[in-house]
Amino acid sequence: MQTKIEQTTSQNREIIENFSQEVQKILYSKASEKVKLKWFYSARYWAEYMMNLNNSLIMQNLQERPAIQNKPINDH
């Protein structure tokens, strides 16, 4: 079972993969350079927005975790 942090990290990977696919579509489209640039900025801002949301969730989850206590390591 994945933790919240692992799930959010996985979602971030999906966002990056989707952004990469969108960029490929934009690069190989027959639209004008001006239109491609607008599409690229739109895709970039969407990905950036979603990543920021996910990263804030990761930070919340990290803050909710109980602090790990330092315990001596037994060499037995």
Protein backbone atom coordinates (compact mmCIF):
# COMPACT_ATOMS: atom_id res chain seq x y z
CA MET A 1 0.00 0.00 0.00
CA GLN A 2 1.36 3.38 -0.98
CA THR A 3 1.64 6.23 1.46
CA LYS A 4 0.14 9.63 0.67
CA ILE A 5 3.60 10.93 -0.21
CA GLU A 6 4.26 8.04 -2.61
CA GLN A 7 0.86 8.56 -4.25
CA THR A 8 1.51 12.27 -4.68
CA THR A 9 4.98 11.61 -6.06
CA SER A 10 3.46 9.16 -8.51
CA GLN A 11 0.96 11.81 -9.57
CA ASN A 12 3.85 14.24 -10.12
CA ARG A 13 5.50 11.70 -12.44
CA GLU A 14 2.25 11.38 -14.39
CA ILE A 15 2.02 15.17 -14.72
CA ILE A 16 5.57 15.29 -16.09
CA GLU A 17 4.82 12.48 -18.55
CA ASN A 18 1.63 14.22 -19.70
CA PHE A 19 3.50 17.50 -20.11
CA SER A 20 6.16 15.74 -22.16
CA GLN A 21 3.50 14.24 -24.42
CA GLU A 22 1.81 17.63 -24.84
CA VAL A 23 5.12 19.24 -25.79
CA GLN A 24 5.69 16.53 -28.41
CA LYS A 25 2.22 17.15 -29.87
CA ILE A 26 2.87 20.89 -29.95
CA LEU A 27 6.28 20.52 -31.60
CA TYR A 28 4.99 18.28 -34.37
CA SER A 29 1.75 20.17 -35.05
CA LYS A 30 1.34 22.24 -38.19
CA ALA A 31 0.18 25.33 -36.29
CA SER A 32 2.03 28.62 -36.54
CA GLU A 33 4.92 29.31 -34.18
CA LYS A 34 2.85 31.91 -32.35
CA VAL A 35 0.05 29.40 -31.69
CA LYS A 36 2.56 26.71 -30.67
CA LEU A 37 4.11 29.12 -28.19
CA LYS A 38 0.70 29.84 -26.64
CA TRP A 39 -0.05 26.13 -26.39
CA PHE A 40 3.35 25.48 -24.83
CA TYR A 41 2.89 28.20 -22.19
CA SER A 42 -0.59 26.88 -21.41
CA ALA A 43 0.73 23.32 -20.98
CA ARG A 44 3.66 24.56 -18.91
CA TYR A 45 1.54 26.64 -16.56
CA TRP A 46 -0.96 23.79 -16.13
CA ALA A 47 1.83 21.34 -15.26
CA GLU A 48 3.49 23.86 -12.94
CA TYR A 49 0.20 24.56 -11.16
CA MET A 50 -0.56 20.87 -10.65
CA MET A 51 2.99 20.15 -9.45
CA ASN A 52 2.78 23.01 -6.94
CA LEU A 53 -0.49 21.61 -5.59
CA ASN A 54 1.01 18.15 -5.26
CA ASN A 55 4.20 19.46 -3.68
CA SER A 56 2.19 21.37 -1.08
CA LEU A 57 0.37 18.10 -0.29
CA ILE A 58 3.72 16.35 0.14
CA MET A 59 4.89 19.08 2.51
CA GLN A 60 1.67 18.78 4.54
CA ASN A 61 2.08 15.01 4.77
CA LEU A 62 5.69 15.35 5.86
CA GLN A 63 4.72 17.79 8.60
CA GLU A 64 1.97 15.43 9.82
CA ARG A 65 4.41 12.54 10.24
CA PRO A 66 5.57 11.91 13.79
CA ALA A 67 9.20 12.74 14.36
CA ILE A 68 11.50 9.73 14.13
CA GLN A 69 13.37 9.17 17.36
CA ASN A 70 17.05 8.38 17.20
CA LYS A 71 17.55 4.97 18.73
CA PRO A 72 20.88 3.20 19.16
CA ILE A 73 21.58 0.48 16.62
CA ASN A 74 22.16 -2.99 18.07
CA ASP A 75 24.95 -4.89 16.35
CA HIS A 76 23.69 -8.31 17.46
